[in-house]
Protein backbone atom coordinates (compact mmCIF):
# COMPACT_ATOMS: atom_id res chain seq x y z
CA ALA A 1 73.41 -49.92 -12.67
CA TYR A 2 73.21 -46.29 -13.71
CA VAL A 3 70.49 -43.89 -14.85
CA TRP A 4 71.14 -41.02 -17.29
CA GLN A 5 70.11 -37.61 -15.95
CA PRO A 6 69.70 -35.35 -19.00
CA GLY A 7 71.13 -31.85 -19.05
CA HIS A 8 68.87 -28.91 -18.24
CA TRP A 9 68.86 -25.13 -17.87
CA HIS A 10 69.23 -23.79 -14.31
CA TRP A 11 68.48 -20.25 -13.11
CA ASN A 12 71.35 -19.11 -10.85
CA GLY A 13 69.66 -15.87 -9.76
CA VAL A 14 71.23 -13.83 -12.56
CA ARG A 15 70.95 -15.90 -15.72
CA TYR A 16 70.28 -19.37 -17.01
CA VAL A 17 73.26 -21.73 -17.13
CA TRP A 18 73.45 -25.16 -18.75
CA VAL A 19 73.91 -28.11 -16.37
CA ARG A 20 75.42 -31.02 -18.29
CA GLY A 21 73.81 -34.43 -18.21
CA HIS A 22 75.49 -37.18 -16.24
CA TYR A 23 75.02 -40.71 -14.97
CA VAL A 24 73.57 -41.29 -11.50
CA VAL A 25 74.13 -44.52 -9.55
CA ARG A 26 70.88 -46.43 -9.22
CA GLN A 27 69.55 -46.68 -5.66
CA ALA A 28 68.86 -50.09 -4.14
CA GLY A 29 65.27 -51.17 -3.64
CA TRP A 30 62.08 -50.50 -5.57
CA GLN A 31 62.52 -46.79 -6.14
CA HIS A 32 62.25 -45.34 -9.63
CA TRP A 33 64.02 -42.35 -11.18
CA VAL A 34 62.00 -39.18 -11.79
CA HIS A 35 63.65 -36.85 -14.31
CA GLY A 36 63.84 -33.14 -13.51
CA HIS A 37 60.82 -31.30 -14.86
CA TRP A 38 58.81 -28.09 -14.68
CA ALA A 39 55.64 -28.20 -12.56
CA LEU A 40 52.90 -25.66 -11.92
CA ARG A 41 52.68 -25.06 -8.17
CA GLY A 42 50.67 -22.31 -6.52
CA GLY A 43 50.18 -20.55 -9.87
CA ALA A 44 53.93 -20.43 -10.63
CA TRP A 45 56.17 -22.72 -12.69
CA VAL A 46 58.98 -24.23 -10.63
CA TRP A 47 61.83 -26.59 -11.50
CA VAL A 48 61.59 -29.94 -9.72
CA PRO A 49 65.08 -31.50 -9.64
CA ALA A 50 65.56 -35.12 -10.65
CA HIS A 51 65.20 -37.52 -7.74
CA TRP A 52 64.49 -41.07 -6.64
CA SER A 53 60.90 -41.78 -5.67
């Protein structure tokens, strides 16, 4: 099975570049997919990449 990881903007140190969406192979077991998202940490917004949790 596969999970769709949507595209997102990524800061490369100079400018934002578009990272295209793609399918990710589903991991075995009871893990679930967490989409990439912005989170407030230590008073600053940071990008949290998509991952299995």
